[in-house]
Amino acid sequence: MSRLKSSERRMKLILMLQDSKKKLTVDELADTFGVSRRTIFRDFKVLSKINVPVTWDKYSGYGVMDGYKVPPLMFNSQELATIMVGLNFVKSQVDKQLVDDARGVELKIKNVLPTELKNFMSSLDNRTIVDPFLHFGHEKKEGGNWYLVSSAISQKKTLEFTYRSKSDGSVTDREVDPYLLVFYKDHWNVIGFSHKRDAIRNFVLDRMSDVRITEKKFEEKGEIDAEALIYRSNESGQKVEVLLDKKAERAFRANLATKIFKEKEVSAKKIKVSFNFENLDYLNEWLLQFGDKVKVLSPKKLVDMRVDLLNKMMTSI
């Protein structure tokens, strides 16, 4: 650990003693903070003066009295800047509830900060812009009850809801064991085991209504692999092949909402990539941002959809 200011080191020392499942020796603490044993003893003396109930056992080492909780956390300026970046990223999104919650968190943090750090935080507000096109270019909208879904995930309880299909508008009742909550640039998704389909499926939260947590507990089969779940949810989609200009490769990979499973260099400037995608309507519109740097090779349905969309754009008033 890099050298810390004494006040910051002592705060971290309290947290370590409070959170550790076992007592810690002076040597362990000195090694952790990169200081001498004498410095650690000096820190303990300071903690004693401010009434932190440090305990000691000659066989096991140092700890703090059971039930002691550290006062409200204090951040250094770098930690606070990190928090501001995170909050500003959340506030840039289009989900209105997410934005409101981020503002609430920001207000609570400001209320417990000393004047110096409060001024620092205020100076960053509206001066640190993350994802400006989303921040300034989109009207905020309701994105579904992500908190209710997250509660079901934490309790490992099955969700029941009514789901509206985007393709034909049909409405069906669903029962899902929720495994993962995922936020893309403009909407929330829950990925889980669909009882109706007997398979892993992805559901968009703003198409879910009458959502409720049931009393049915479900068991996860081993550790949840977030990456595998996200990309497995697209396995039911169609295989798509595109010819990609290398100039657009970085942006294409960064924003494609699935995983490329095959790629081949065709020339010094072009590569062919293959992936599975379920929502071809969405993909067709998403590809427009790359202009002539992407050519759809298959499936034919997507090629035809692309031609139809471009023709409509050319002829519409």
Protein backbone atom coordinates (compact mmCIF):
# COMPACT_ATOMS: atom_id res chain seq x y z
CA MET A 1 0.00 0.00 0.00
CA SER A 2 1.35 3.44 -0.91
CA ARG A 3 2.24 5.89 1.88
CA LEU A 4 -0.89 7.46 3.39
CA LYS A 5 -1.43 10.56 5.45
CA SER A 6 -1.59 9.69 9.15
CA SER A 7 -5.30 10.64 9.47
CA GLU A 8 -6.24 8.52 6.46
CA ARG A 9 -4.12 5.61 7.65
CA ARG A 10 -5.78 5.68 11.07
CA MET A 11 -9.24 5.70 9.52
CA LYS A 12 -8.31 2.68 7.42
CA LEU A 13 -6.78 1.05 10.50
CA ILE A 14 -10.10 1.39 12.36
CA LEU A 15 -11.96 -0.14 9.41
CA MET A 16 -9.52 -3.05 9.19
CA LEU A 17 -9.83 -3.81 12.91
CA GLN A 18 -13.62 -3.48 12.72
CA ASP A 19 -14.09 -5.67 9.65
CA SER A 20 -11.44 -8.32 10.23
CA LYS A 21 -12.72 -11.77 11.21
CA LYS A 22 -9.61 -12.26 13.31
CA LYS A 23 -7.39 -10.05 15.42
CA LEU A 24 -4.35 -8.52 13.74
CA THR A 25 -0.76 -8.28 14.95
CA VAL A 26 1.37 -5.15 14.89
CA ASP A 27 3.66 -6.77 12.30
CA GLU A 28 0.71 -7.53 10.00
CA LEU A 29 -0.54 -3.96 10.25
CA ALA A 30 2.93 -2.48 9.72
CA ASP A 31 3.39 -4.60 6.58
CA THR A 32 -0.05 -3.67 5.27
CA PHE A 33 0.55 0.08 5.58
CA GLY A 34 4.26 0.01 4.80
CA VAL A 35 5.25 1.70 8.08
CA SER A 36 7.24 0.77 11.16
CA ARG A 37 5.93 -1.00 14.27
CA ARG A 38 6.56 2.23 16.19
CA THR A 39 4.19 4.11 13.84
CA ILE A 40 1.43 1.55 14.42
CA PHE A 41 1.85 1.85 18.21
CA ARG A 42 1.67 5.64 17.81
CA ASP A 43 -1.56 5.23 15.82
CA PHE A 44 -3.06 3.08 18.59
CA LYS A 45 -2.23 5.80 21.12
CA VAL A 46 -4.03 8.40 19.00
CA LEU A 47 -7.06 6.13 18.58
CA SER A 48 -7.21 5.64 22.33
CA LYS A 49 -7.27 9.43 22.85
CA ILE A 50 -10.34 9.76 20.58
CA ASN A 51 -12.09 6.91 22.44
CA VAL A 52 -11.85 4.18 19.82
CA PRO A 53 -12.15 0.98 21.94
CA VAL A 54 -9.08 -0.91 20.68
CA THR A 55 -8.69 -4.34 22.31
CA TRP A 56 -5.56 -6.42 22.66
CA ASP A 57 -4.85 -10.07 23.37
CA LYS A 58 -1.26 -11.21 23.82
CA TYR A 59 -1.95 -14.43 21.91
CA SER A 60 -3.96 -13.13 18.94
CA GLY A 61 -3.31 -9.39 18.58
CA TYR A 62 -5.44 -6.25 18.16
CA GLY A 63 -9.10 -5.66 17.38
CA VAL A 64 -11.93 -3.33 18.40
CA MET A 65 -14.71 -3.94 20.89
CA ASP A 66 -17.68 -5.90 19.52
CA GLY A 67 -20.51 -3.62 18.42
CA TYR A 68 -18.29 -0.59 17.79
CA LYS A 69 -19.08 1.16 14.52
CA VAL A 70 -16.89 3.76 12.90
CA PRO A 71 -18.44 7.24 12.60
CA PRO A 72 -19.65 8.44 9.15
CA LEU A 73 -16.96 7.73 6.57
CA MET A 74 -14.64 10.51 5.50
CA PHE A 75 -13.29 10.54 1.97
CA ASN A 76 -10.07 11.97 0.65
CA SER A 77 -10.26 14.20 -2.42
CA GLN A 78 -9.31 11.41 -4.86
CA GLU A 79 -11.96 9.06 -3.47
CA LEU A 80 -14.49 11.87 -3.63
CA ALA A 81 -13.58 12.63 -7.25
CA THR A 82 -14.09 8.91 -8.03
CA ILE A 83 -17.54 9.03 -6.43
CA MET A 84 -18.42 12.12 -8.44
CA VAL A 85 -17.42 10.44 -11.70
CA GLY A 86 -19.63 7.47 -10.81
CA LEU A 87 -22.58 9.66 -9.82
CA ASN A 88 -22.25 11.82 -12.93
CA PHE A 89 -22.21 8.69 -15.08
CA VAL A 90 -25.44 7.54 -13.44
CA LYS A 91 -27.00 11.02 -13.79
CA SER A 92 -26.22 10.99 -17.51
CA GLN A 93 -28.43 7.96 -18.12
CA VAL A 94 -31.99 8.12 -19.43
CA ASP A 95 -33.62 6.22 -16.56
CA LYS A 96 -35.37 8.92 -14.48
CA GLN A 97 -35.45 6.90 -11.26
CA LEU A 98 -31.75 6.13 -11.55
CA VAL A 99 -30.97 9.83 -12.03
CA ASP A 100 -33.13 10.86 -9.06
CA ASP A 101 -31.50 8.25 -6.82
CA ALA A 102 -28.01 9.42 -7.83
CA ARG A 103 -28.93 13.01 -6.93
CA GLY A 104 -30.21 11.77 -3.56
CA VAL A 105 -26.94 9.98 -2.85
CA GLU A 106 -24.98 13.08 -3.84
CA LEU A 107 -27.04 15.26 -1.48
CA LYS A 108 -26.55 12.87 1.46
CA ILE A 109 -22.79 12.73 0.92
CA LYS A 110 -22.58 16.55 0.77
CA ASN A 111 -24.49 16.83 4.05
CA VAL A 112 -21.86 14.88 6.03
CA LEU A 113 -18.71 16.34 4.49
CA PRO A 114 -16.54 18.98 6.12
CA THR A 115 -16.60 22.39 4.42
CA GLU A 116 -13.33 21.88 2.52
CA LEU A 117 -14.43 18.61 0.88
CA LYS A 118 -17.97 19.90 0.36
CA ASN A 119 -16.54 22.82 -1.62
CA PHE A 120 -14.35 20.40 -3.58
CA MET A 121 -17.35 18.25 -4.43
CA SER A 122 -19.42 21.29 -5.47
CA SER A 123 -16.59 22.50 -7.70
CA LEU A 124 -16.75 19.18 -9.59
CA ASP A 125 -20.51 19.26 -9.98
CA ASN A 126 -21.46 20.11 -13.58
CA ARG A 127 -17.75 20.27 -14.42
CA THR A 128 -17.29 16.52 -14.81
CA ILE A 129 -19.41 15.35 -17.74
CA VAL A 130 -19.63 11.64 -18.48
CA ASP A 131 -21.28 10.46 -21.71
CA PRO A 132 -22.32 13.98 -22.84
CA PHE A 133 -24.60 12.84 -25.67
CA LEU A 134 -26.76 10.94 -23.20
CA HIS A 135 -26.41 13.66 -20.55
CA PHE A 136 -27.67 16.47 -22.76
CA GLY A 137 -29.44 14.72 -25.61
CA HIS A 138 -32.10 12.52 -24.03
CA GLU A 139 -35.29 13.16 -22.13
CA LYS A 140 -35.37 11.12 -18.93
CA LYS A 141 -37.91 8.29 -18.80
CA GLU A 142 -39.20 5.66 -16.39
CA GLY A 143 -37.13 2.51 -16.80
CA GLY A 144 -39.01 -0.05 -14.72
CA ASN A 145 -38.73 -1.13 -11.10
CA TRP A 146 -35.06 -2.18 -11.00
CA TYR A 147 -35.01 -1.98 -7.19
CA LEU A 148 -37.80 -4.55 -6.84
CA VAL A 149 -35.95 -6.88 -9.23
CA SER A 150 -32.68 -6.41 -7.34
CA SER A 151 -34.51 -7.29 -4.11
CA ALA A 152 -35.76 -10.52 -5.66
CA ILE A 153 -32.22 -11.37 -6.80
CA SER A 154 -30.78 -10.78 -3.32
CA GLN A 155 -33.51 -12.92 -1.70
CA LYS A 156 -33.30 -15.60 -4.43
CA LYS A 157 -37.07 -15.44 -4.92
CA THR A 158 -39.05 -15.98 -8.12
CA LEU A 159 -40.63 -13.01 -9.91
CA GLU A 160 -44.08 -12.97 -11.49
CA PHE A 161 -45.06 -10.28 -14.01
CA THR A 162 -46.98 -9.49 -17.16
CA TYR A 163 -44.76 -9.01 -20.20
CA ARG A 164 -45.48 -7.06 -23.38
CA SER A 165 -43.69 -8.28 -26.50
CA LYS A 166 -41.97 -5.61 -28.58
CA SER A 167 -42.41 -7.50 -31.86
CA ASP A 168 -46.20 -7.93 -31.87
CA GLY A 169 -47.42 -6.24 -28.67
CA SER A 170 -48.82 -9.50 -27.26
CA VAL A 171 -49.12 -9.76 -23.47
CA THR A 172 -48.28 -12.89 -21.47
CA ASP A 173 -47.85 -13.81 -17.81
CA ARG A 174 -44.31 -14.81 -16.89
CA GLU A 175 -42.58 -16.53 -13.98
CA VAL A 176 -38.81 -16.01 -13.82
CA ASP A 177 -35.97 -16.81 -11.44
CA PRO A 178 -33.92 -13.58 -11.67
CA TYR A 179 -30.15 -14.05 -11.86
CA LEU A 180 -28.76 -10.78 -13.17
CA LEU A 181 -29.79 -7.12 -13.48
CA VAL A 182 -28.13 -5.35 -16.43
CA PHE A 183 -28.33 -1.70 -17.47
CA TYR A 184 -27.53 -0.78 -21.05
CA LYS A 185 -27.39 2.83 -22.26
CA ASP A 186 -31.14 3.38 -22.19
CA HIS A 187 -32.88 0.50 -20.44
CA TRP A 188 -32.74 -2.11 -17.67
CA ASN A 189 -32.84 -5.85 -18.31
CA VAL A 190 -33.27 -8.84 -16.05
CA ILE A 191 -31.69 -12.10 -17.15
CA GLY A 192 -32.97 -15.26 -15.53
CA PHE A 193 -34.54 -18.69 -15.87
CA SER A 194 -37.93 -18.50 -17.59
CA HIS A 195 -40.37 -21.14 -16.31
CA LYS A 196 -42.46 -20.70 -19.46
CA ARG A 197 -39.55 -21.35 -21.86
CA ASP A 198 -37.55 -23.62 -19.53
CA ALA A 199 -34.43 -21.67 -20.51
CA ILE A 200 -32.38 -18.55 -19.79
CA ARG A 201 -34.09 -15.46 -21.19
CA ASN A 202 -33.68 -11.67 -21.17
CA PHE A 203 -36.56 -9.34 -20.21
CA VAL A 204 -36.65 -5.55 -20.61
CA LEU A 205 -37.96 -3.92 -17.42
CA ASP A 206 -40.04 -1.18 -19.05
CA ARG A 207 -42.08 -3.92 -20.80
CA MET A 208 -42.82 -5.61 -17.46
CA SER A 209 -45.94 -4.69 -15.46
CA ASP A 210 -47.64 -5.95 -12.27
CA VAL A 211 -44.24 -7.15 -11.06
CA ARG A 212 -44.24 -8.93 -7.72
CA ILE A 213 -41.86 -11.03 -5.66
CA THR A 214 -43.32 -14.45 -4.81
CA GLU A 215 -42.52 -16.59 -1.79
CA LYS A 216 -40.97 -19.25 -4.05
CA LYS A 217 -37.26 -19.64 -3.36
CA PHE A 218 -34.98 -20.80 -6.17
CA GLU A 219 -31.55 -22.40 -6.01
CA GLU A 220 -28.70 -21.20 -8.19
CA LYS A 221 -26.71 -23.94 -9.86
CA GLY A 222 -23.21 -22.98 -8.81
CA GLU A 223 -21.66 -19.52 -9.00
CA ILE A 224 -23.36 -16.98 -11.25
CA ASP A 225 -21.16 -16.17 -14.26
CA ALA A 226 -22.35 -12.69 -15.29
CA GLU A 227 -20.54 -12.66 -18.64
CA ALA A 228 -21.83 -16.10 -19.61
CA LEU A 229 -25.40 -15.15 -18.67
CA ILE A 230 -25.34 -11.91 -20.65
CA TYR A 231 -24.12 -13.55 -23.83
CA ARG A 232 -26.07 -16.78 -23.36
CA SER A 233 -29.25 -14.69 -23.39
CA ASN A 234 -28.55 -14.03 -27.08
CA GLU A 235 -28.03 -17.66 -28.06
CA SER A 236 -31.60 -17.93 -29.30
CA GLY A 237 -30.90 -15.17 -31.82
CA GLN A 238 -29.93 -15.50 -35.46
CA LYS A 239 -26.37 -15.78 -36.68
CA VAL A 240 -25.25 -12.45 -38.14
CA GLU A 241 -22.20 -11.85 -40.34
CA VAL A 242 -20.92 -8.40 -41.23
CA LEU A 243 -17.94 -7.00 -43.08
CA LEU A 244 -16.36 -4.36 -40.88
CA ASP A 245 -13.97 -1.54 -41.71
CA LYS A 246 -11.09 -1.67 -39.22
CA LYS A 247 -11.48 2.07 -38.62
CA ALA A 248 -14.82 1.33 -36.96
CA GLU A 249 -13.72 -1.82 -35.15
CA ARG A 250 -13.13 -0.29 -31.73
CA ALA A 251 -16.51 1.49 -31.53
CA PHE A 252 -18.29 -1.55 -32.99
CA ARG A 253 -16.86 -3.93 -30.38
CA ALA A 254 -17.38 -1.50 -27.51
CA ASN A 255 -21.09 -0.96 -28.18
CA LEU A 256 -22.28 -4.24 -29.70
CA ALA A 257 -24.71 -5.79 -27.19
CA THR A 258 -23.49 -9.34 -27.71
CA LYS A 259 -20.26 -11.26 -28.14
CA ILE A 260 -18.36 -11.81 -31.38
CA PHE A 261 -17.68 -15.54 -31.59
CA LYS A 262 -15.81 -15.61 -34.90
CA GLU A 263 -13.69 -13.15 -36.84
CA LYS A 264 -11.52 -13.34 -39.93
CA GLU A 265 -9.25 -10.77 -41.55
CA VAL A 266 -10.35 -10.31 -45.16
CA SER A 267 -7.89 -7.60 -46.16
CA ALA A 268 -5.61 -4.99 -44.61
CA LYS A 269 -8.67 -2.78 -44.07
CA LYS A 270 -11.56 -5.21 -43.54
CA ILE A 271 -12.52 -8.01 -41.14
CA LYS A 272 -15.52 -10.34 -41.16
CA VAL A 273 -17.19 -10.89 -37.79
CA SER A 274 -19.94 -13.27 -36.72
CA PHE A 275 -22.29 -13.08 -33.72
CA ASN A 276 -25.78 -14.07 -32.60
CA PHE A 277 -28.49 -11.44 -32.16
CA GLU A 278 -32.16 -11.81 -31.34
CA ASN A 279 -33.67 -8.37 -32.03
CA LEU A 280 -32.91 -7.69 -35.71
CA ASP A 281 -35.05 -4.52 -35.72
CA TYR A 282 -32.85 -3.00 -33.04
CA LEU A 283 -29.65 -4.20 -34.72
CA ASN A 284 -30.72 -2.77 -38.08
CA GLU A 285 -31.18 0.70 -36.62
CA TRP A 286 -28.06 0.41 -34.45
CA LEU A 287 -25.90 -0.32 -37.53
CA LEU A 288 -26.84 3.03 -39.09
CA GLN A 289 -24.30 4.84 -36.91
CA PHE A 290 -21.46 3.11 -38.81
CA GLY A 291 -22.61 4.23 -42.26
CA ASP A 292 -20.70 2.49 -45.07
CA LYS A 293 -18.10 1.11 -42.65
CA VAL A 294 -20.30 -1.94 -42.04
CA LYS A 295 -21.80 -4.23 -44.69
CA VAL A 296 -24.31 -6.91 -43.65
CA LEU A 297 -23.55 -10.28 -45.27
CA SER A 298 -26.20 -12.44 -43.57
CA PRO A 299 -28.90 -13.31 -42.75
CA LYS A 300 -30.77 -12.25 -45.88
CA LYS A 301 -33.64 -11.01 -43.72
CA LEU A 302 -31.36 -8.40 -42.12
CA VAL A 303 -29.94 -7.40 -45.51
CA ASP A 304 -33.49 -6.82 -46.79
CA MET A 305 -34.44 -4.93 -43.62
CA ARG A 306 -31.41 -2.69 -44.05
CA VAL A 307 -32.34 -1.89 -47.68
CA ASP A 308 -35.96 -1.18 -46.70
CA LEU A 309 -34.91 1.13 -43.86
CA LEU A 310 -32.50 3.09 -46.07
CA ASN A 311 -35.15 3.42 -48.81
CA LYS A 312 -37.65 4.76 -46.27
CA MET A 313 -35.10 7.27 -45.05
CA MET A 314 -34.49 8.45 -48.59
CA THR A 315 -38.18 8.78 -49.53
CA SER A 316 -39.79 9.90 -46.27
CA ILE A 317 -40.79 13.54 -45.86
